[in-house]
Amino acid sequence: MFTGIIETLGIIKDIQKEGDNLHITITSSITNELKIDQSVAHNGVCLTVVAISGDEYTVTAIKETILKTNLAEWKVGNIVNLERAMKLGDRLDGHIVQGHVDQTGECISIEEANGSWYFTFKYDRKLNNITIEKGSITINGVSLTVLNSKDDEFSVAIIPYTFEHTNFKDFTIGTKINLEFDVIGKYVSRLYLQNS
């Protein structure tokens, strides 16, 4: 379980393919605090630490994870948002995030607004995920509030702190991002579809 509040950034140092799996090695400021078998969210994708060496650690992604996320597009040198699983009793500063990406989306607009930014994203509505105005959304692991909710797109406002401390600063038009929709909204949507 995560909160969507990014702890730090990591840099991808190596990517090795083995069968359908990807072994991804990352360097970060929290590596010395990690343990084998620990869950860490990488751009919102919950992956298990399988090896640690110095300031680098390795996680493994399986085929299903690769197909549902933007992992196949990751390259050595990319910066990823990192969050360790929350501790029981910690404040829930963001919202309930599972680290299970529902689908990818695409950045279609970036608008600077006198020191902040508005990012707009499009996603495939056929997968039955929904956003609601002022509801929660997780983009690359970052807990955000939905603005301008439409059937297949939405916007978010990014303050300077979030811009500087996440990989939002690397987004361009066409950037493919990981989306985890609000877990409560997913249950409501499923119930609605079952009763339609």
N, C-alpha and C. Protein backbone atom coordinates (compact mmCIF):
# COMPACT_ATOMS: atom_id res chain seq x y z
N MET A 1 0.84 -1.18 0.00
CA MET A 1 0.00 0.00 0.00
C MET A 1 0.89 1.24 0.00
N PHE A 2 0.52 2.22 -0.82
CA PHE A 2 1.30 3.45 -0.96
C PHE A 2 0.38 4.65 -0.77
N THR A 3 0.96 5.85 -0.78
CA THR A 3 0.17 7.06 -0.59
C THR A 3 0.20 7.99 -1.80
N GLY A 4 1.13 7.77 -2.72
CA GLY A 4 1.26 8.66 -3.86
C GLY A 4 2.10 9.89 -3.56
N ILE A 5 2.78 9.90 -2.42
CA ILE A 5 3.68 10.99 -2.07
C ILE A 5 5.11 10.50 -2.36
N ILE A 6 5.73 11.05 -3.37
CA ILE A 6 7.04 10.57 -3.83
C ILE A 6 8.12 10.91 -2.81
N GLU A 7 8.93 9.90 -2.47
CA GLU A 7 10.02 10.09 -1.50
C GLU A 7 11.26 10.67 -2.15
N THR A 8 11.61 10.13 -3.29
CA THR A 8 12.84 10.52 -3.95
C THR A 8 12.78 10.07 -5.40
N LEU A 9 13.82 10.41 -6.15
CA LEU A 9 13.94 9.98 -7.54
C LEU A 9 15.05 8.95 -7.66
N GLY A 10 14.92 8.08 -8.63
CA GLY A 10 15.96 7.11 -8.92
C GLY A 10 16.38 7.25 -10.37
N ILE A 11 17.56 6.75 -10.68
CA ILE A 11 18.06 6.77 -12.05
C ILE A 11 18.26 5.34 -12.51
N ILE A 12 17.71 4.99 -13.66
CA ILE A 12 17.87 3.64 -14.20
C ILE A 12 19.29 3.47 -14.69
N LYS A 13 19.98 2.48 -14.15
CA LYS A 13 21.38 2.22 -14.49
C LYS A 13 21.55 1.07 -15.47
N ASP A 14 20.61 0.10 -15.45
CA ASP A 14 20.75 -1.06 -16.32
C ASP A 14 19.39 -1.72 -16.47
N ILE A 15 19.15 -2.28 -17.66
CA ILE A 15 17.94 -3.05 -17.92
C ILE A 15 18.36 -4.31 -18.65
N GLN A 16 18.02 -5.46 -18.07
CA GLN A 16 18.36 -6.74 -18.67
C GLN A 16 17.07 -7.52 -18.92
N LYS A 17 16.95 -8.06 -20.13
CA LYS A 17 15.79 -8.89 -20.47
C LYS A 17 16.15 -10.35 -20.24
N GLU A 18 15.25 -11.09 -19.57
CA GLU A 18 15.43 -12.52 -19.37
C GLU A 18 14.08 -13.18 -19.61
N GLY A 19 13.95 -13.85 -20.73
CA GLY A 19 12.65 -14.39 -21.12
C GLY A 19 11.68 -13.24 -21.31
N ASP A 20 10.53 -13.32 -20.65
CA ASP A 20 9.54 -12.23 -20.71
C ASP A 20 9.75 -11.18 -19.62
N ASN A 21 10.72 -11.41 -18.75
CA ASN A 21 10.94 -10.51 -17.62
C ASN A 21 11.96 -9.42 -17.93
N LEU A 22 11.86 -8.32 -17.18
CA LEU A 22 12.87 -7.27 -17.21
C LEU A 22 13.47 -7.13 -15.82
N HIS A 23 14.80 -7.14 -15.74
CA HIS A 23 15.51 -6.86 -14.50
C HIS A 23 16.03 -5.43 -14.61
N ILE A 24 15.56 -4.58 -13.72
CA ILE A 24 15.87 -3.15 -13.80
C ILE A 24 16.70 -2.76 -12.59
N THR A 25 17.88 -2.18 -12.85
CA THR A 25 18.76 -1.74 -11.78
C THR A 25 18.69 -0.23 -11.67
N ILE A 26 18.54 0.24 -10.43
CA ILE A 26 18.31 1.65 -10.16
C ILE A 26 19.25 2.11 -9.06
N THR A 27 19.73 3.34 -9.19
CA THR A 27 20.49 3.96 -8.11
C THR A 27 19.61 5.03 -7.48
N SER A 28 19.65 5.09 -6.13
CA SER A 28 18.84 6.09 -5.45
C SER A 28 19.42 6.39 -4.07
N SER A 29 18.93 7.48 -3.49
CA SER A 29 19.40 7.88 -2.16
C SER A 29 18.83 7.00 -1.05
N ILE A 30 17.84 6.16 -1.36
CA ILE A 30 17.25 5.30 -0.32
C ILE A 30 17.71 3.85 -0.40
N THR A 31 18.62 3.55 -1.34
CA THR A 31 19.06 2.16 -1.52
C THR A 31 19.56 1.54 -0.23
N ASN A 32 20.35 2.31 0.55
CA ASN A 32 20.93 1.74 1.78
C ASN A 32 19.87 1.43 2.83
N GLU A 33 18.64 1.89 2.65
CA GLU A 33 17.55 1.60 3.59
C GLU A 33 16.66 0.46 3.11
N LEU A 34 16.90 -0.05 1.92
CA LEU A 34 16.05 -1.09 1.35
C LEU A 34 16.50 -2.48 1.80
N LYS A 35 15.57 -3.43 1.67
CA LYS A 35 15.86 -4.83 1.98
C LYS A 35 15.35 -5.69 0.82
N ILE A 36 15.98 -6.84 0.65
CA ILE A 36 15.50 -7.82 -0.33
C ILE A 36 14.05 -8.17 0.02
N ASP A 37 13.21 -8.33 -0.97
CA ASP A 37 11.77 -8.65 -0.86
C ASP A 37 10.91 -7.46 -0.49
N GLN A 38 11.49 -6.26 -0.37
CA GLN A 38 10.71 -5.07 -0.04
C GLN A 38 10.02 -4.55 -1.30
N SER A 39 8.80 -4.01 -1.12
CA SER A 39 8.06 -3.42 -2.23
C SER A 39 8.38 -1.94 -2.35
N VAL A 40 8.64 -1.50 -3.57
CA VAL A 40 8.89 -0.09 -3.86
C VAL A 40 8.08 0.26 -5.11
N ALA A 41 7.41 1.41 -5.07
CA ALA A 41 6.67 1.88 -6.25
C ALA A 41 7.62 2.68 -7.13
N HIS A 42 7.68 2.30 -8.40
CA HIS A 42 8.52 2.95 -9.40
C HIS A 42 7.59 3.54 -10.46
N ASN A 43 7.47 4.86 -10.51
CA ASN A 43 6.48 5.50 -11.39
C ASN A 43 5.11 4.87 -11.16
N GLY A 44 4.83 4.53 -9.91
CA GLY A 44 3.54 3.96 -9.55
C GLY A 44 3.41 2.47 -9.69
N VAL A 45 4.46 1.80 -10.15
CA VAL A 45 4.44 0.35 -10.34
C VAL A 45 5.11 -0.32 -9.15
N CYS A 46 4.36 -1.14 -8.42
CA CYS A 46 4.90 -1.84 -7.26
C CYS A 46 5.79 -2.99 -7.75
N LEU A 47 7.09 -2.91 -7.43
CA LEU A 47 8.05 -3.94 -7.83
C LEU A 47 8.84 -4.36 -6.59
N THR A 48 9.28 -5.62 -6.58
CA THR A 48 9.98 -6.19 -5.44
C THR A 48 11.49 -6.11 -5.63
N VAL A 49 12.17 -5.66 -4.59
CA VAL A 49 13.64 -5.59 -4.61
C VAL A 49 14.19 -7.02 -4.57
N VAL A 50 15.02 -7.37 -5.56
CA VAL A 50 15.57 -8.73 -5.63
C VAL A 50 17.08 -8.77 -5.39
N ALA A 51 17.75 -7.62 -5.49
CA ALA A 51 19.20 -7.58 -5.26
C ALA A 51 19.59 -6.16 -4.88
N ILE A 52 20.64 -6.05 -4.04
CA ILE A 52 21.17 -4.75 -3.62
C ILE A 52 22.69 -4.82 -3.69
N SER A 53 23.29 -3.77 -4.28
CA SER A 53 24.75 -3.69 -4.35
C SER A 53 25.16 -2.22 -4.29
N GLY A 54 25.79 -1.84 -3.18
CA GLY A 54 26.20 -0.45 -3.00
C GLY A 54 24.98 0.46 -3.00
N ASP A 55 24.99 1.48 -3.89
CA ASP A 55 23.85 2.40 -3.95
C ASP A 55 22.86 2.01 -5.06
N GLU A 56 23.00 0.77 -5.57
CA GLU A 56 22.10 0.29 -6.61
C GLU A 56 21.29 -0.91 -6.13
N TYR A 57 20.08 -1.00 -6.61
CA TYR A 57 19.24 -2.17 -6.32
C TYR A 57 18.54 -2.59 -7.60
N THR A 58 18.10 -3.84 -7.61
CA THR A 58 17.46 -4.40 -8.80
C THR A 58 16.07 -4.89 -8.45
N VAL A 59 15.14 -4.65 -9.38
CA VAL A 59 13.76 -5.15 -9.28
C VAL A 59 13.46 -5.92 -10.56
N THR A 60 12.47 -6.80 -10.49
CA THR A 60 12.09 -7.59 -11.66
C THR A 60 10.63 -7.34 -11.99
N ALA A 61 10.36 -7.10 -13.28
CA ALA A 61 8.98 -6.92 -13.76
C ALA A 61 8.63 -8.09 -14.66
N ILE A 62 7.43 -8.66 -14.45
CA ILE A 62 6.96 -9.77 -15.28
C ILE A 62 6.17 -9.24 -16.48
N LYS A 63 5.84 -10.13 -17.40
CA LYS A 63 5.19 -9.77 -18.66
C LYS A 63 3.89 -8.97 -18.44
N GLU A 64 3.03 -9.43 -17.53
CA GLU A 64 1.75 -8.75 -17.30
C GLU A 64 1.97 -7.30 -16.87
N THR A 65 2.94 -7.07 -16.00
CA THR A 65 3.25 -5.72 -15.54
C THR A 65 3.77 -4.88 -16.70
N ILE A 66 4.64 -5.45 -17.50
CA ILE A 66 5.21 -4.72 -18.64
C ILE A 66 4.12 -4.32 -19.62
N LEU A 67 3.15 -5.21 -19.86
CA LEU A 67 2.08 -4.92 -20.81
C LEU A 67 1.12 -3.84 -20.33
N LYS A 68 0.92 -3.71 -19.02
CA LYS A 68 -0.05 -2.74 -18.49
C LYS A 68 0.55 -1.39 -18.15
N THR A 69 1.86 -1.26 -18.26
CA THR A 69 2.54 -0.04 -17.83
C THR A 69 3.42 0.51 -18.97
N ASN A 70 4.16 1.55 -18.66
CA ASN A 70 5.10 2.10 -19.65
C ASN A 70 6.52 1.55 -19.47
N LEU A 71 6.66 0.46 -18.72
CA LEU A 71 7.98 -0.14 -18.46
C LEU A 71 8.75 -0.50 -19.72
N ALA A 72 8.06 -0.92 -20.76
CA ALA A 72 8.75 -1.32 -22.00
C ALA A 72 9.47 -0.14 -22.64
N GLU A 73 9.10 1.07 -22.28
CA GLU A 73 9.72 2.27 -22.85
C GLU A 73 10.85 2.82 -21.98
N TRP A 74 11.06 2.23 -20.81
CA TRP A 74 12.12 2.73 -19.93
C TRP A 74 13.48 2.49 -20.56
N LYS A 75 14.39 3.45 -20.34
CA LYS A 75 15.75 3.37 -20.88
C LYS A 75 16.75 3.72 -19.79
N VAL A 76 17.96 3.25 -19.96
CA VAL A 76 19.04 3.61 -19.04
C VAL A 76 19.16 5.13 -19.04
N GLY A 77 19.25 5.70 -17.84
CA GLY A 77 19.34 7.14 -17.69
C GLY A 77 18.02 7.81 -17.35
N ASN A 78 16.89 7.11 -17.57
CA ASN A 78 15.59 7.68 -17.21
C ASN A 78 15.50 7.89 -15.71
N ILE A 79 14.76 8.92 -15.33
CA ILE A 79 14.50 9.20 -13.92
C ILE A 79 13.13 8.66 -13.56
N VAL A 80 13.04 7.94 -12.43
CA VAL A 80 11.77 7.37 -11.99
C VAL A 80 11.41 7.88 -10.60
N ASN A 81 10.11 8.06 -10.37
CA ASN A 81 9.58 8.44 -9.06
C ASN A 81 9.60 7.22 -8.15
N LEU A 82 10.07 7.38 -6.91
CA LEU A 82 10.16 6.26 -5.98
C LEU A 82 9.39 6.54 -4.70
N GLU A 83 8.67 5.51 -4.23
CA GLU A 83 8.01 5.56 -2.93
C GLU A 83 8.03 4.17 -2.31
N ARG A 84 8.49 4.10 -1.07
CA ARG A 84 8.42 2.84 -0.34
C ARG A 84 7.01 2.66 0.21
N ALA A 85 6.66 1.40 0.48
CA ALA A 85 5.33 1.12 1.05
C ALA A 85 5.15 1.86 2.36
N MET A 86 3.91 2.28 2.61
CA MET A 86 3.66 3.03 3.84
C MET A 86 3.73 2.11 5.06
N LYS A 87 4.07 2.71 6.18
CA LYS A 87 4.10 1.98 7.45
C LYS A 87 2.74 2.13 8.12
N LEU A 88 2.29 1.07 8.77
CA LEU A 88 1.04 1.12 9.52
C LEU A 88 1.14 2.21 10.58
N GLY A 89 0.17 3.09 10.61
CA GLY A 89 0.18 4.17 11.59
C GLY A 89 0.69 5.49 11.03
N ASP A 90 1.28 5.47 9.80
CA ASP A 90 1.74 6.71 9.17
C ASP A 90 0.55 7.54 8.70
N ARG A 91 0.77 8.83 8.52
CA ARG A 91 -0.25 9.68 7.93
C ARG A 91 -0.45 9.29 6.47
N LEU A 92 -1.68 9.37 6.02
CA LEU A 92 -2.00 9.12 4.62
C LEU A 92 -2.13 10.48 3.94
N ASP A 93 -0.98 11.03 3.53
CA ASP A 93 -0.95 12.39 2.98
C ASP A 93 -1.52 12.48 1.58
N GLY A 94 -1.45 11.42 0.80
CA GLY A 94 -2.00 11.43 -0.55
C GLY A 94 -3.36 10.79 -0.55
N HIS A 95 -3.45 9.59 -1.15
CA HIS A 95 -4.67 8.78 -1.07
C HIS A 95 -4.25 7.32 -1.13
N ILE A 96 -5.19 6.40 -1.00
CA ILE A 96 -4.84 4.98 -1.00
C ILE A 96 -4.41 4.57 -2.41
N VAL A 97 -3.15 4.17 -2.53
CA VAL A 97 -2.56 3.76 -3.81
C VAL A 97 -2.06 2.33 -3.65
N GLN A 98 -2.45 1.46 -4.58
CA GLN A 98 -2.06 0.06 -4.48
C GLN A 98 -0.74 -0.26 -5.16
N GLY A 99 -0.32 0.58 -6.08
CA GLY A 99 0.88 0.27 -6.84
C GLY A 99 0.60 -0.69 -7.98
N HIS A 100 -0.70 -0.82 -8.34
CA HIS A 100 -1.12 -1.69 -9.43
C HIS A 100 -1.67 -0.79 -10.55
N VAL A 101 -0.86 -0.54 -11.53
CA VAL A 101 -1.23 0.35 -12.63
C VAL A 101 -2.40 -0.24 -13.41
N ASP A 102 -3.41 0.58 -13.68
CA ASP A 102 -4.59 0.13 -14.42
C ASP A 102 -4.38 0.20 -15.92
N GLN A 103 -3.71 1.24 -16.37
CA GLN A 103 -3.46 1.42 -17.80
C GLN A 103 -2.50 2.59 -17.97
N THR A 104 -2.09 2.79 -19.20
CA THR A 104 -1.25 3.94 -19.50
C THR A 104 -2.10 5.06 -20.09
N GLY A 105 -1.55 6.23 -20.10
CA GLY A 105 -2.17 7.39 -20.72
C GLY A 105 -1.10 8.17 -21.45
N GLU A 106 -1.51 9.24 -22.10
CA GLU A 106 -0.57 10.04 -22.88
C GLU A 106 -0.76 11.51 -22.56
N CYS A 107 0.34 12.21 -22.37
CA CYS A 107 0.29 13.65 -22.13
C CYS A 107 -0.06 14.35 -23.45
N ILE A 108 -1.14 15.14 -23.44
CA ILE A 108 -1.56 15.82 -24.68
C ILE A 108 -1.46 17.34 -24.58
N SER A 109 -1.19 17.86 -23.39
CA SER A 109 -1.07 19.31 -23.25
C SER A 109 -0.31 19.66 -21.99
N ILE A 110 0.56 20.66 -22.08
CA ILE A 110 1.27 21.22 -20.93
C ILE A 110 1.14 22.73 -21.01
N GLU A 111 0.57 23.31 -19.97
CA GLU A 111 0.33 24.76 -19.97
C GLU A 111 0.96 25.36 -18.72
N GLU A 112 1.89 26.29 -18.92
CA GLU A 112 2.48 26.97 -17.77
C GLU A 112 1.50 28.04 -17.30
N ALA A 113 1.35 28.16 -15.97
CA ALA A 113 0.36 29.09 -15.41
C ALA A 113 0.99 29.91 -14.29
N ASN A 114 1.88 30.83 -14.67
CA ASN A 114 2.47 31.77 -13.72
C ASN A 114 3.10 31.07 -12.52
N GLY A 115 3.97 30.11 -12.79
CA GLY A 115 4.70 29.42 -11.73
C GLY A 115 4.23 28.01 -11.44
N SER A 116 3.06 27.64 -11.93
CA SER A 116 2.56 26.27 -11.82
C SER A 116 2.33 25.76 -13.24
N TRP A 117 1.86 24.51 -13.33
CA TRP A 117 1.63 23.91 -14.64
C TRP A 117 0.33 23.13 -14.63
N TYR A 118 -0.35 23.13 -15.78
CA TYR A 118 -1.50 22.27 -16.00
C TYR A 118 -1.11 21.23 -17.05
N PHE A 119 -1.23 19.96 -16.67
CA PHE A 119 -0.95 18.86 -17.58
C PHE A 119 -2.27 18.18 -17.91
N THR A 120 -2.49 17.88 -19.19
CA THR A 120 -3.70 17.17 -19.60
C THR A 120 -3.29 15.82 -20.20
N PHE A 121 -4.04 14.78 -19.83
CA PHE A 121 -3.75 13.42 -20.25
C PHE A 121 -4.97 12.79 -20.90
N LYS A 122 -4.72 11.96 -21.90
CA LYS A 122 -5.78 11.19 -22.59
C LYS A 122 -5.54 9.72 -22.27
N TYR A 123 -6.65 8.96 -22.14
CA TYR A 123 -6.53 7.52 -21.87
C TYR A 123 -7.65 6.78 -22.59
N ASP A 124 -7.48 5.47 -22.73
CA ASP A 124 -8.44 4.63 -23.44
C ASP A 124 -9.64 4.34 -22.54
N ARG A 125 -10.76 4.95 -22.85
CA ARG A 125 -11.99 4.82 -22.05
C ARG A 125 -12.58 3.41 -22.13
N LYS A 126 -12.22 2.64 -23.16
CA LYS A 126 -12.78 1.30 -23.35
C LYS A 126 -12.42 0.36 -22.20
N LEU A 127 -11.41 0.72 -21.40
CA LEU A 127 -11.01 -0.14 -20.28
C LEU A 127 -11.84 0.12 -19.03
N ASN A 128 -12.88 0.98 -19.16
CA ASN A 128 -13.87 1.25 -18.12
C ASN A 128 -13.31 1.90 -16.86
N ASN A 129 -12.20 2.62 -16.99
CA ASN A 129 -11.71 3.41 -15.86
C ASN A 129 -12.30 4.81 -15.97
N ILE A 130 -12.54 5.43 -14.81
CA ILE A 130 -13.16 6.75 -14.81
C ILE A 130 -12.42 7.71 -13.88
N THR A 131 -12.55 8.99 -14.20
CA THR A 131 -12.12 10.04 -13.28
C THR A 131 -13.35 10.86 -12.92
N ILE A 132 -13.27 11.53 -11.78
CA ILE A 132 -14.33 12.46 -11.41
C ILE A 132 -13.69 13.78 -10.99
N GLU A 133 -14.41 14.86 -11.22
CA GLU A 133 -13.91 16.18 -10.85
C GLU A 133 -13.57 16.21 -9.37
N LYS A 134 -12.35 16.67 -9.06
CA LYS A 134 -11.81 16.77 -7.70
C LYS A 134 -11.55 15.40 -7.06
N GLY A 135 -11.64 14.33 -7.85
CA GLY A 135 -11.30 13.00 -7.35
C GLY A 135 -9.79 12.79 -7.39
N SER A 136 -9.35 11.63 -6.93
CA SER A 136 -7.92 11.32 -6.89
C SER A 136 -7.52 10.50 -8.10
N ILE A 137 -6.28 10.71 -8.54
CA ILE A 137 -5.68 9.94 -9.63
C ILE A 137 -4.19 9.80 -9.30
N THR A 138 -3.59 8.70 -9.71
CA THR A 138 -2.15 8.52 -9.53
C THR A 138 -1.51 8.49 -10.91
N ILE A 139 -0.57 9.43 -11.13
CA ILE A 139 0.16 9.52 -12.40
C ILE A 139 1.63 9.26 -12.09
N ASN A 140 2.18 8.19 -12.68
CA ASN A 140 3.57 7.81 -12.41
C ASN A 140 3.84 7.77 -10.90
N GLY A 141 2.84 7.32 -10.14
CA GLY A 141 3.01 7.16 -8.70
C GLY A 141 2.70 8.39 -7.88
N VAL A 142 2.37 9.51 -8.52
CA VAL A 142 2.11 10.77 -7.82
C VAL A 142 0.60 10.92 -7.57
N SER A 143 0.20 11.10 -6.32
CA SER A 143 -1.19 11.32 -5.96
C SER A 143 -1.58 12.75 -6.32
N LEU A 144 -2.62 12.89 -7.16
CA LEU A 144 -3.03 14.21 -7.63
C LEU A 144 -4.55 14.32 -7.65
N THR A 145 -5.03 15.56 -7.78
CA THR A 145 -6.45 15.84 -7.85
C THR A 145 -6.86 16.11 -9.29
N VAL A 146 -7.95 15.48 -9.72
CA VAL A 146 -8.43 15.59 -11.10
C VAL A 146 -9.11 16.94 -11.33
N LEU A 147 -8.77 17.55 -12.46
CA LEU A 147 -9.44 18.75 -12.95
C LEU A 147 -9.99 18.46 -14.34
N ASN A 148 -11.05 19.13 -14.73
CA ASN A 148 -11.59 19.02 -16.09
C ASN A 148 -11.80 17.57 -16.51
N SER A 149 -12.46 16.79 -15.67
CA SER A 149 -12.71 15.38 -15.95
C SER A 149 -13.64 15.22 -17.15
N LYS A 150 -13.19 14.43 -18.13
CA LYS A 150 -14.00 14.10 -19.31
C LYS A 150 -14.00 12.59 -19.47
N ASP A 151 -14.72 12.10 -20.48
CA ASP A 151 -14.84 10.65 -20.68
C ASP A 151 -13.50 9.95 -20.88
N ASP A 152 -12.57 10.61 -21.57
CA ASP A 152 -11.31 9.94 -21.87
C ASP A 152 -10.09 10.84 -21.65
N GLU A 153 -10.28 11.93 -20.90
CA GLU A 153 -9.14 12.79 -20.58
C GLU A 153 -9.42 13.58 -19.31
N PHE A 154 -8.36 14.13 -18.75
CA PHE A 154 -8.46 14.93 -17.53
C PHE A 154 -7.20 15.76 -17.42
N SER A 155 -7.23 16.73 -16.53
CA SER A 155 -6.06 17.55 -16.27
C SER A 155 -5.70 17.49 -14.79
N VAL A 156 -4.47 17.90 -14.48
CA VAL A 156 -4.02 18.06 -13.10
C VAL A 156 -3.20 19.33 -13.03
N ALA A 157 -3.19 19.95 -11.86
CA ALA A 157 -2.35 21.12 -11.62
C ALA A 157 -1.13 20.69 -10.83
N ILE A 158 0.03 21.14 -11.26
CA ILE A 158 1.29 20.75 -10.63
C ILE A 158 1.96 21.99 -10.04
N ILE A 159 2.21 21.95 -8.74
CA ILE A 159 2.89 23.06 -8.07
C ILE A 159 4.40 22.92 -8.29
N PRO A 160 5.15 24.02 -8.09
CA PRO A 160 6.60 23.95 -8.32
C PRO A 160 7.31 22.84 -7.56
N TYR A 161 6.94 22.59 -6.29
CA TYR A 161 7.61 21.54 -5.51
C TYR A 161 7.45 20.18 -6.19
N THR A 162 6.23 19.85 -6.60
CA THR A 162 5.99 18.56 -7.26
C THR A 162 6.73 18.50 -8.59
N PHE A 163 6.74 19.58 -9.32
CA PHE A 163 7.43 19.64 -10.61
C PHE A 163 8.92 19.34 -10.43
N GLU A 164 9.53 19.92 -9.42
CA GLU A 164 10.97 19.75 -9.19
C GLU A 164 11.34 18.42 -8.57
N HIS A 165 10.44 17.81 -7.79
CA HIS A 165 10.79 16.61 -7.04
C HIS A 165 10.19 15.32 -7.61
N THR A 166 9.66 15.39 -8.82
CA THR A 166 9.16 14.20 -9.53
C THR A 166 9.65 14.27 -10.97
N ASN A 167 9.28 13.25 -11.76
CA ASN A 167 9.70 13.29 -13.16
C ASN A 167 8.71 14.04 -14.05
N PHE A 168 7.77 14.78 -13.46
CA PHE A 168 6.89 15.64 -14.27
C PHE A 168 7.71 16.63 -15.09
N LYS A 169 8.86 17.05 -14.56
CA LYS A 169 9.69 18.02 -15.28
C LYS A 169 10.24 17.46 -16.59
N ASP A 170 10.19 16.13 -16.77
CA ASP A 170 10.67 15.49 -17.99
C ASP A 170 9.56 15.23 -19.00
N PHE A 171 8.30 15.49 -18.62
CA PHE A 171 7.18 15.20 -19.51
C PHE A 171 7.18 16.15 -20.71
N THR A 172 6.82 15.60 -21.85
CA THR A 172 6.59 16.38 -23.06
C THR A 172 5.28 15.90 -23.67
N ILE A 173 4.81 16.59 -24.69
CA ILE A 173 3.62 16.12 -25.40
C ILE A 173 3.94 14.74 -25.98
N GLY A 174 3.09 13.77 -25.70
CA GLY A 174 3.31 12.40 -26.18
C GLY A 174 3.92 11.48 -25.14
N THR A 175 4.39 12.01 -24.01
CA THR A 175 4.94 11.15 -22.96
C THR A 175 3.89 10.15 -22.49
N LYS A 176 4.26 8.88 -22.46
CA LYS A 176 3.37 7.82 -22.00
C LYS A 176 3.55 7.66 -20.50
N ILE A 177 2.43 7.69 -19.76
CA ILE A 177 2.49 7.65 -18.30
C ILE A 177 1.65 6.51 -17.74
N ASN A 178 1.97 6.11 -16.50
CA ASN A 178 1.22 5.07 -15.80
C ASN A 178 0.08 5.71 -15.02
N LEU A 179 -1.11 5.12 -15.12
CA LEU A 179 -2.28 5.61 -14.41
C LEU A 179 -2.83 4.55 -13.48
N GLU A 180 -3.01 4.93 -12.22
CA GLU A 180 -3.78 4.10 -11.30
C GLU A 180 -4.97 4.95 -10.86
N PHE A 181 -6.16 4.48 -11.21
CA PHE A 181 -7.38 5.21 -10.89
C PHE A 181 -7.76 4.95 -9.44
N ASP A 182 -8.54 5.85 -8.88
CA ASP A 182 -8.94 5.76 -7.48
C ASP A 182 -9.63 4.42 -7.20
N VAL A 183 -9.19 3.71 -6.17
CA VAL A 183 -9.69 2.37 -5.88
C VAL A 183 -11.19 2.38 -5.56
N ILE A 184 -11.66 3.41 -4.89
CA ILE A 184 -13.10 3.49 -4.59
C ILE A 184 -13.88 3.70 -5.88
N GLY A 185 -13.37 4.56 -6.75
CA GLY A 185 -14.02 4.78 -8.05
C GLY A 185 -14.06 3.51 -8.89
N LYS A 186 -13.03 2.68 -8.78
CA LYS A 186 -13.01 1.42 -9.54
C LYS A 186 -14.11 0.48 -9.07
N TYR A 187 -14.30 0.41 -7.75
CA TYR A 187 -15.37 -0.45 -7.22
C TYR A 187 -16.74 0.07 -7.63
N VAL A 188 -16.95 1.38 -7.55
CA VAL A 188 -18.23 1.97 -7.94
C VAL A 188 -18.50 1.72 -9.42
N SER A 189 -17.47 1.90 -10.26
CA SER A 189 -17.61 1.67 -11.69
C SER A 189 -17.97 0.23 -11.98
N ARG A 190 -17.34 -0.69 -11.28
CA ARG A 190 -17.60 -2.12 -11.49
C ARG A 190 -19.03 -2.47 -11.09
N LEU A 191 -19.47 -1.95 -9.97
CA LEU A 191 -20.85 -2.20 -9.53
C LEU A 191 -21.86 -1.65 -10.52
N TYR A 192 -21.57 -0.46 -11.02
CA TYR A 192 -22.46 0.18 -12.00
C TYR A 192 -22.55 -0.67 -13.27
N LEU A 193 -21.39 -1.14 -13.77
CA LEU A 193 -21.37 -1.95 -14.99
C LEU A 193 -22.11 -3.28 -14.78
N GLN A 194 -21.96 -3.88 -13.60
CA GLN A 194 -22.63 -5.15 -13.32
C GLN A 194 -24.15 -4.99 -13.25
N ASN A 195 -24.60 -3.83 -12.82
CA ASN A 195 -26.03 -3.59 -12.65
C ASN A 195 -26.67 -2.89 -13.84
N SER A 196 -25.89 -2.66 -14.89
CA SER A 196 -26.44 -1.97 -16.08
C SER A 196 -27.14 -2.94 -17.01
